[in-house]
Protein backbone atom coordinates (compact mmCIF):
# COMPACT_ATOMS: atom_id res chain seq x y z
CA MET A 1 -0.01 0.04 0.00
CA ALA A 2 1.31 3.37 -0.95
CA TYR A 3 0.64 6.35 1.25
CA ARG A 4 0.13 10.15 0.89
CA GLY A 5 -0.76 11.93 3.93
CA GLY A 6 -3.11 14.95 4.18
CA GLY A 7 -2.42 18.16 5.82
CA GLY A 8 -2.62 19.21 9.30
CA HIS A 9 -0.95 17.75 12.57
CA ALA A 10 -1.63 14.48 14.43
CA LYS A 11 -1.43 13.30 17.85
CA PRO A 12 1.28 10.47 17.83
CA PRO A 13 0.01 6.93 18.38
CA SER A 14 0.32 5.85 22.12
CA THR A 15 2.13 2.72 21.55
CA PRO A 16 3.34 0.75 18.39
CA LEU A 17 1.15 -2.16 17.53
CA SER A 18 2.88 -5.41 18.18
CA SER A 19 0.09 -8.05 18.37
CA VAL A 20 -3.69 -8.79 18.22
CA ASN A 21 -5.18 -6.96 20.76
CA PRO A 22 -8.66 -5.69 19.52
CA GLY A 23 -9.67 -4.32 22.79
CA SER A 24 -6.68 -1.85 22.85
CA PHE A 25 -8.12 0.51 20.52
CA SER A 26 -10.67 3.18 20.83
CA THR A 27 -12.64 5.15 18.43
CA CYS A 28 -10.25 8.31 17.68
CA THR A 29 -10.52 11.09 15.38
CA THR A 30 -7.69 11.76 12.99
CA HIS A 31 -7.28 14.26 10.29
CA SER A 32 -8.19 13.30 6.73
CA HIS A 33 -5.54 11.39 4.63
CA ASN A 34 -5.12 10.99 0.92
CA ILE A 35 -4.43 6.94 0.66
CA CYS A 36 -3.58 5.00 -2.19
CA MET A 37 -3.83 1.18 -2.14
CA VAL A 38 -1.69 -0.47 -4.72
CA SER A 39 -2.29 -4.36 -5.16
CA ASP A 40 -2.01 -6.52 -8.04
CA PHE A 41 -5.18 -8.59 -6.65
CA PHE A 42 -8.29 -6.71 -6.75
CA TYR A 43 -12.07 -7.23 -8.07
CA PRO A 44 -13.08 -8.73 -10.33
CA ASN A 45 -10.57 -11.42 -9.20
CA MET A 46 -11.75 -12.87 -5.92
CA GLY A 47 -9.76 -13.83 -3.05
CA GLY A 48 -8.90 -12.92 0.67
CA VAL A 49 -6.61 -9.90 -0.56
CA GLU A 50 -9.24 -8.63 -2.81
CA SER A 51 -11.88 -8.36 -0.20
CA HIS A 52 -9.24 -7.13 2.42
CA ILE A 53 -8.59 -4.09 0.23
CA TYR A 54 -11.93 -3.43 -0.85
CA GLN A 55 -13.47 -3.64 2.84
CA LEU A 56 -10.60 -1.53 4.39
CA SER A 57 -11.09 1.20 1.81
CA GLN A 58 -14.79 1.52 2.40
CA CYS A 59 -14.27 1.83 6.13
CA LEU A 60 -11.60 4.36 5.60
CA ILE A 61 -13.83 6.22 3.33
CA GLN A 62 -16.56 6.23 5.89
CA ARG A 63 -14.06 7.49 8.34
CA GLY A 64 -13.68 10.73 6.25
CA HIS A 65 -10.56 9.77 4.31
CA LYS A 66 -9.94 10.04 0.62
CA VAL A 67 -9.10 6.33 -0.93
CA ILE A 68 -8.16 5.27 -4.64
CA ILE A 69 -7.07 1.82 -5.54
CA VAL A 70 -4.35 1.04 -8.17
CA THR A 71 -4.16 -2.44 -9.75
CA HIS A 72 -3.36 -4.01 -13.23
CA ALA A 73 -6.17 -4.58 -15.78
CA TYR A 74 -8.21 -7.52 -15.86
CA GLY A 75 -9.25 -8.42 -19.52
CA ASP A 76 -11.51 -5.54 -20.98
CA ARG A 77 -11.77 -4.06 -17.70
CA LYS A 78 -9.19 -0.95 -18.14
CA GLY A 79 -9.06 2.72 -17.10
CA ILE A 80 -10.94 4.14 -14.30
CA ARG A 81 -13.89 2.55 -12.42
CA TYR A 82 -15.78 4.06 -9.38
CA LEU A 83 -17.21 1.57 -6.98
CA THR A 84 -19.59 2.17 -3.78
CA ASN A 85 -18.93 5.33 -1.89
CA GLY A 86 -16.96 6.93 -4.64
CA LEU A 87 -14.14 4.47 -4.41
CA LYS A 88 -11.93 5.12 -7.39
CA VAL A 89 -10.00 2.29 -9.08
CA TYR A 90 -7.33 2.61 -11.62
CA TYR A 91 -6.93 -0.37 -13.84
CA LEU A 92 -3.57 0.20 -15.50
CA PRO A 93 -2.56 -1.62 -18.79
CA LEU A 94 0.26 -3.74 -16.96
CA LYS A 95 1.38 -6.98 -18.55
CA VAL A 96 0.69 -9.98 -16.24
CA MET A 97 3.87 -12.09 -15.62
CA TYR A 98 2.61 -15.00 -13.30
CA ASN A 99 -0.48 -15.90 -11.18
CA GLN A 100 -2.03 -12.24 -11.62
CA SER A 101 1.42 -10.55 -10.71
CA THR A 102 3.02 -7.97 -12.63
CA ALA A 103 6.63 -7.75 -13.26
CA THR A 104 6.99 -5.12 -10.74
CA THR A 105 5.40 -7.15 -8.12
CA LEU A 106 7.75 -10.03 -9.03
CA PHE A 107 10.84 -8.24 -8.79
CA HIS A 108 10.06 -6.42 -5.61
CA SER A 109 8.24 -8.99 -3.42
CA LEU A 110 9.87 -11.03 -0.91
CA PRO A 111 8.20 -14.28 0.70
CA LEU A 112 5.48 -13.57 2.94
CA LEU A 113 7.18 -13.52 6.55
CA SER A 114 6.05 -13.10 10.07
CA LYS A 115 6.84 -9.68 11.97
CA GLU A 116 9.97 -11.36 13.49
CA ASN A 117 11.54 -12.50 10.45
CA THR A 118 10.65 -9.12 8.47
CA VAL A 119 12.60 -7.44 11.28
CA LEU A 120 15.55 -9.69 11.27
CA ARG A 121 16.01 -9.97 7.41
CA ALA A 122 15.45 -6.08 7.16
CA ALA A 123 17.56 -5.06 10.05
CA LEU A 124 14.75 -3.00 11.26
CA ASN A 125 13.75 -1.34 14.47
CA PRO A 126 10.92 -3.73 15.93
CA GLU A 127 9.15 -0.67 17.30
CA ILE A 128 8.57 0.73 14.07
CA VAL A 129 7.10 -2.57 12.69
CA SER A 130 3.22 -2.80 13.22
CA VAL A 131 1.00 -5.90 13.00
CA ILE A 132 -2.71 -5.22 11.85
CA PRO A 133 -4.88 -8.37 11.60
CA ASN A 134 -7.24 -8.99 8.79
CA ALA A 135 -10.98 -8.75 9.41
CA VAL A 136 -14.19 -10.83 8.71
CA ASP A 137 -17.81 -9.73 8.65
CA PRO A 138 -19.25 -11.87 11.28
CA THR A 139 -22.75 -11.58 9.96
CA ASP A 140 -21.58 -13.06 6.56
CA PHE A 141 -20.24 -16.12 8.35
CA THR A 142 -22.63 -17.62 10.83
CA PRO A 143 -22.85 -21.42 11.59
CA ASP A 144 -25.59 -23.73 10.63
CA PRO A 145 -25.12 -27.18 12.18
CA PHE A 146 -28.26 -28.56 10.46
CA ARG A 147 -26.45 -28.15 7.01
CA ARG A 148 -23.78 -30.52 8.20
CA HIS A 149 -23.58 -34.24 6.62
CA ASP A 150 -23.77 -37.41 8.90
CA SER A 151 -20.31 -38.30 7.80
CA ILE A 152 -17.24 -36.36 9.17
CA THR A 153 -16.46 -33.83 6.63
CA ILE A 154 -13.31 -31.86 6.03
CA VAL A 155 -13.60 -28.38 3.98
CA VAL A 156 -10.64 -26.99 2.29
CA ILE A 157 -11.05 -23.55 0.44
CA SER A 158 -7.96 -22.47 -1.24
CA ARG A 159 -6.30 -21.56 -4.52
CA LEU A 160 -4.88 -24.77 -5.64
CA VAL A 161 -1.23 -23.84 -6.14
CA TYR A 162 2.07 -25.02 -4.62
CA ARG A 163 2.23 -22.02 -1.95
CA LYS A 164 -0.96 -23.27 -0.62
CA GLY A 165 0.25 -26.70 0.08
CA THR A 166 -1.84 -28.76 -2.44
CA ASP A 167 0.70 -31.39 -2.76
CA LEU A 168 0.32 -31.89 1.26
CA LEU A 169 -3.32 -32.30 0.62
CA CYS A 170 -2.89 -34.75 -1.89
CA GLY A 171 -0.83 -36.96 0.56
CA ILE A 172 -3.41 -36.51 3.45
CA ILE A 173 -6.60 -37.26 1.33
CA PRO A 174 -5.76 -41.30 0.66
CA GLU A 175 -4.22 -41.74 3.92
CA LEU A 176 -7.13 -40.58 6.09
CA CYS A 177 -9.89 -41.83 3.85
CA GLN A 178 -8.26 -45.20 4.13
CA LYS A 179 -8.40 -45.06 7.99
CA TYR A 180 -11.69 -43.49 8.35
CA GLN A 181 -14.70 -44.88 6.07
CA ASN A 182 -17.08 -42.13 7.21
CA LEU A 183 -14.85 -39.30 6.17
CA ASN A 184 -15.30 -37.02 3.38
CA PHE A 185 -13.57 -33.90 1.78
CA ILE A 186 -15.12 -30.80 0.21
CA ILE A 187 -12.36 -28.88 -1.83
CA GLY A 188 -13.15 -25.41 -3.19
CA GLY A 189 -10.93 -23.40 -5.30
CA GLU A 190 -9.11 -23.32 -8.76
CA GLY A 191 -5.41 -23.52 -9.86
CA PRO A 192 -2.87 -25.48 -11.77
CA LYS A 193 -2.50 -28.13 -8.76
CA ARG A 194 -6.16 -29.40 -9.42
CA ILE A 195 -5.09 -31.86 -11.83
CA ILE A 196 -2.95 -33.65 -9.14
CA LEU A 197 -6.10 -33.67 -6.88
CA GLU A 198 -8.19 -35.34 -9.72
CA GLU A 199 -5.40 -37.91 -10.35
CA VAL A 200 -5.28 -38.94 -6.42
CA ARG A 201 -9.24 -39.16 -6.55
CA GLU A 202 -9.24 -41.20 -9.63
CA ARG A 203 -6.46 -43.50 -8.45
CA TYR A 204 -7.74 -44.51 -5.11
CA GLN A 205 -11.33 -44.33 -6.43
CA LEU A 206 -12.52 -41.44 -4.07
CA HIS A 207 -15.27 -39.95 -6.40
CA ASP A 208 -17.94 -40.19 -3.75
CA ARG A 209 -15.95 -38.96 -1.00
CA VAL A 210 -13.76 -36.02 -2.45
CA ARG A 211 -15.92 -33.18 -3.97
CA LEU A 212 -13.94 -30.53 -6.27
CA LEU A 213 -16.08 -27.53 -6.28
CA GLY A 214 -13.90 -25.55 -8.61
CA ALA A 215 -13.66 -21.69 -8.20
CA LEU A 216 -16.01 -20.17 -5.53
CA GLU A 217 -17.27 -16.60 -5.56
CA HIS A 218 -16.89 -15.36 -1.93
CA LYS A 219 -20.68 -14.92 -1.39
CA ASP A 220 -20.80 -18.79 -1.84
CA VAL A 221 -17.90 -19.54 0.52
CA ARG A 222 -20.19 -19.68 3.57
CA ASP A 223 -22.69 -22.05 2.19
CA VAL A 224 -19.73 -24.51 1.71
CA LEU A 225 -18.17 -24.01 4.97
CA VAL A 226 -21.26 -24.85 6.92
CA GLN A 227 -21.47 -28.16 5.33
CA GLY A 228 -18.20 -29.30 7.40
CA HIS A 229 -17.08 -30.22 10.63
CA ILE A 230 -13.36 -29.20 10.21
CA PHE A 231 -11.58 -26.85 8.11
CA LEU A 232 -7.92 -27.71 6.77
CA ASN A 233 -5.51 -25.24 5.77
CA THR A 234 -2.11 -26.51 4.25
CA SER A 235 -0.59 -23.39 3.38
CA LEU A 236 3.46 -23.39 3.05
CA THR A 237 3.56 -19.55 3.60
CA GLU A 238 0.80 -17.26 4.92
CA ALA A 239 0.78 -13.84 6.30
CA PHE A 240 -2.60 -14.17 8.01
CA CYS A 241 -5.05 -16.40 6.36
CA MET A 242 -8.50 -14.95 6.18
CA ALA A 243 -10.10 -18.25 5.32
CA ILE A 244 -9.34 -19.90 8.99
CA VAL A 245 -11.29 -16.94 10.42
CA GLU A 246 -13.99 -17.09 8.23
CA ALA A 247 -14.29 -21.05 8.94
CA ALA A 248 -14.00 -20.30 12.60
CA SER A 249 -16.71 -17.75 12.40
CA CYS A 250 -18.95 -20.54 10.56
CA GLY A 251 -18.07 -22.81 13.81
CA LEU A 252 -15.73 -25.21 12.23
CA GLN A 253 -12.62 -26.71 14.17
CA VAL A 254 -9.42 -25.54 12.30
CA VAL A 255 -6.53 -27.53 11.46
CA SER A 256 -3.54 -25.60 10.05
CA THR A 257 0.21 -25.59 9.35
CA LYS A 258 2.18 -23.39 11.78
CA VAL A 259 3.69 -20.95 9.16
CA GLY A 260 4.00 -17.14 9.06
CA GLY A 261 1.31 -15.20 11.19
CA ILE A 262 -1.18 -18.06 11.29
CA PRO A 263 -0.18 -18.83 15.27
CA GLU A 264 -1.36 -15.37 16.12
CA VAL A 265 -4.75 -15.55 14.39
CA LEU A 266 -6.95 -17.79 16.50
CA PRO A 267 -6.75 -19.02 20.40
CA GLU A 268 -5.34 -22.42 20.77
CA SER A 269 -8.80 -23.94 21.73
CA LEU A 270 -9.92 -23.43 18.24
CA ILE A 271 -7.04 -24.12 16.28
CA VAL A 272 -4.86 -27.17 15.93
CA LEU A 273 -1.30 -26.11 14.60
CA CYS A 274 1.00 -28.58 12.63
CA GLU A 275 4.18 -28.61 10.75
CA PRO A 276 4.04 -28.46 7.08
CA SER A 277 4.18 -32.08 6.46
CA VAL A 278 1.66 -35.04 5.57
CA LYS A 279 2.40 -36.76 8.77
CA SER A 280 1.99 -33.74 11.35
CA LEU A 281 -1.10 -32.74 9.43
CA CYS A 282 -2.60 -36.07 9.41
CA GLU A 283 -2.09 -36.18 13.21
CA GLY A 284 -3.58 -32.85 13.87
CA LEU A 285 -6.75 -33.83 11.78
CA GLU A 286 -6.97 -37.32 13.70
CA LYS A 287 -6.67 -35.22 17.06
CA ALA A 288 -9.67 -33.00 15.67
CA ILE A 289 -11.60 -36.07 14.53
CA PHE A 290 -11.15 -37.76 18.06
CA GLN A 291 -12.50 -34.50 19.79
CA LEU A 292 -15.30 -34.32 17.18
CA LYS A 293 -16.28 -37.87 18.10
CA SER A 294 -15.80 -37.30 22.05
CA GLY A 295 -17.91 -34.41 22.01
CA THR A 296 -15.22 -32.26 23.47
CA LEU A 297 -15.06 -29.69 20.72
CA PRO A 298 -16.84 -26.23 21.58
CA THR A 299 -20.34 -26.07 19.82
CA PRO A 300 -20.45 -24.07 16.38
CA GLU A 301 -22.47 -21.12 18.22
CA ASN A 302 -19.72 -20.84 20.92
CA ILE A 303 -17.03 -20.59 18.33
CA HIS A 304 -18.78 -17.97 16.58
CA SER A 305 -19.64 -15.99 19.54
CA VAL A 306 -15.83 -15.88 20.33
CA VAL A 307 -14.63 -15.14 16.79
CA LYS A 308 -17.00 -12.49 16.11
CA THR A 309 -15.41 -10.19 18.73
CA PHE A 310 -11.91 -10.58 17.21
CA TYR A 311 -11.62 -9.07 13.90
CA THR A 312 -14.04 -6.31 12.72
CA TRP A 313 -13.37 -3.82 9.87
CA ARG A 314 -13.77 -1.00 12.20
CA ASN A 315 -10.99 -2.03 14.30
CA VAL A 316 -8.70 -2.76 11.56
CA ALA A 317 -9.47 0.73 10.10
CA GLN A 318 -8.54 2.24 13.52
CA ARG A 319 -5.32 0.37 13.56
CA THR A 320 -4.45 1.32 10.01
CA GLU A 321 -5.26 4.73 10.89
CA LYS A 322 -2.86 4.56 13.78
CA VAL A 323 0.01 3.40 11.44
CA TYR A 324 -0.86 6.20 9.00
CA GLU A 325 -0.28 8.99 11.90
CA LEU A 326 3.02 7.36 12.73
CA VAL A 327 4.09 7.50 9.07
CA LEU A 328 2.98 10.99 8.85
CA LYS A 329 5.24 12.12 11.81
CA GLU A 330 8.37 10.54 10.07
CA ASP A 331 10.75 12.85 7.94
CA VAL A 332 10.80 12.46 4.20
CA LEU A 333 14.29 11.75 3.44
CA PRO A 334 15.82 13.74 0.51
CA MET A 335 17.02 11.75 -2.58
CA ASP A 336 20.68 12.00 -1.45
CA LYS A 337 19.97 10.30 1.72
CA ARG A 338 17.90 7.66 0.35
CA LEU A 339 20.56 6.70 -2.03
CA ASN A 340 23.26 6.84 0.88
CA ARG A 341 21.05 4.57 2.84
CA LEU A 342 20.59 2.03 -0.04
CA ILE A 343 24.26 1.87 -0.48
CA SER A 344 25.14 1.45 3.11
CA HIS A 345 22.33 -1.33 3.74
CA CYS A 346 22.63 -3.34 0.98
CA GLY A 347 26.17 -3.77 0.34
CA SER A 348 29.02 -2.10 -1.89
CA VAL A 349 28.02 -4.02 -4.93
CA THR A 350 24.11 -4.63 -4.58
CA GLY A 351 23.73 -1.22 -2.84
CA HIS A 352 25.11 0.72 -5.79
CA ILE A 353 22.82 -1.40 -8.31
CA PHE A 354 19.78 -0.57 -6.18
CA ALA A 355 20.72 3.31 -6.09
CA LEU A 356 20.89 3.16 -9.86
CA LEU A 357 17.75 1.67 -10.20
CA ALA A 358 16.21 4.32 -7.86
CA VAL A 359 17.70 6.94 -9.85
CA LEU A 360 16.21 5.52 -13.00
CA ASN A 361 12.97 5.31 -11.43
CA TYR A 362 12.95 8.83 -10.36
CA MET A 363 13.93 10.03 -13.45
CA PHE A 364 11.30 8.20 -15.27
CA LEU A 365 8.68 9.63 -12.76
CA ILE A 366 9.88 13.06 -13.52
CA PHE A 367 9.37 12.19 -17.26
CA LEU A 368 5.83 10.97 -16.85
CA ARG A 369 4.90 14.10 -15.05
CA TRP A 370 6.35 15.97 -17.82
CA ILE A 371 4.35 14.25 -20.63
CA THR A 372 1.16 13.93 -18.32
CA PRO A 373 1.14 16.89 -15.80
CA ASP A 374 -0.74 16.68 -12.61
CA SER A 375 -3.15 19.32 -13.42
CA ILE A 376 -4.77 17.18 -16.30
CA ILE A 377 -5.22 14.31 -14.34
CA ASP A 378 -8.74 13.46 -13.04
CA VAL A 379 -8.77 13.86 -9.09
CA ALA A 380 -10.62 11.41 -7.02
CA ILE A 381 -14.03 13.03 -5.66
CA ASP A 382 -14.35 13.50 -1.98
CA ALA A 383 -16.91 10.97 -1.27
CA THR A 384 -17.43 11.85 2.54
CA GLY A 385 -17.69 15.03 4.49
CA PRO A 386 -19.56 18.09 4.12
CA ARG A 387 -18.70 18.70 0.57
CA GLY A 388 -18.72 14.82 -0.28
CA ALA A 389 -20.15 14.08 -3.62
CA TRP A 390 -21.60 10.86 -2.25
CA THR A 391 -23.35 12.42 0.66
CA HIS A 392 -25.05 15.16 -1.73
CA HIS A 393 -26.14 12.58 -4.43
CA CYS A 394 -27.07 9.61 -2.21
CA PRO A 395 -29.29 10.31 0.77
CA PRO A 396 -28.19 8.42 4.05
CA SER A 397 -30.86 5.95 3.70
CA GLU A 398 -30.21 4.98 0.36
CA LYS A 399 -26.49 4.80 1.13
CA ARG A 400 -27.26 2.03 3.81
CA ASP A 401 -29.36 0.19 1.33
CA GLU A 402 -26.64 0.26 -1.14
CA ASN A 403 -23.78 -0.65 1.06
CA LYS A 404 -26.21 -3.59 2.28
CA LYS A 405 -26.65 -4.63 -1.33
CA VAL A 406 -22.83 -4.53 -2.28
CA SER A 407 -21.77 -6.44 1.10
CA LYS A 408 -24.08 -9.30 0.10
CA THR A 409 -22.78 -9.26 -3.76
CA ARG A 410 -19.30 -9.18 -2.64
């Protein structure tokens, strides 16, 4: 996410954000910011990142900030689009290189890491690193035990790619299906690894016990989750994993790999953490199956009542505001100091290469601003506030109805 602060002065945040603690933030009034969310992943593509950016942007707009989103074009969806509450989206004509990622993302991205690894690898002061959890709307993910099947059902909803541990899933399915005759799998998601799941299902003749649903729209995820007893996440890398929060909100017991920030997401009573291996995940699933059969698992309603208080979009927006206020207090380094920092932090050879790239990027930016001056660029409207276009063109009652309609379709 790129950020550009608005004018005015802000009070500093009380303390840096270091862990999940939803109750530590009260509603606060900050001055308005101009915020730019930059991501390769946005609607019409469906997924956790896409939903997070949209929902967070809407909350920030409602709190009086101006927000735009920059992403790459999706097919014929190019140029500028406006979404609910005047959210302006730029679909840039950038070439996609791999898995909806552009060359810029592939070049600059590092593997998803937890806060501790980020601090160690980048040699950062831990006090300036903030951890903001993801969020889920608990009203969209409610339990329905009557939809569950008589047999034990394990639900997997994930992109079927290597990073999501699809290869591990292919080892788990035949082992557990052979051991438990009343065990079924429901798998939602699409990706290049789907073919190996189909091969496993064919090899072990599990057509009636392993359902492959293909790609799911986000509005259909809840209807799939409530059919299961256990949710399985096999990711090899993960920053937060919204899927396990949605599953827990629907009352499922979660079994997941212990990678990235996942151990910080749910309390120990709601999740079984495993090493990213077939053996460890099978042991974790068998533990959850035993608890289910013995009746020691919390009821779906109790699980939902706990999870719904953890991660709300209002809380995430407030935490994000505090980080913006912290960033706003930092001095903007001039170009020469930025180059010196690159050279000193990245080594004599690599540092000079990065410094050269930074200079080229800066010159390219100047060139773009020369051929397309800021004065001729369409400025995003002020959606909220006394002069907000959305407030004037849509009465509050209609605005609430529109928000409810969009939340259902998203």
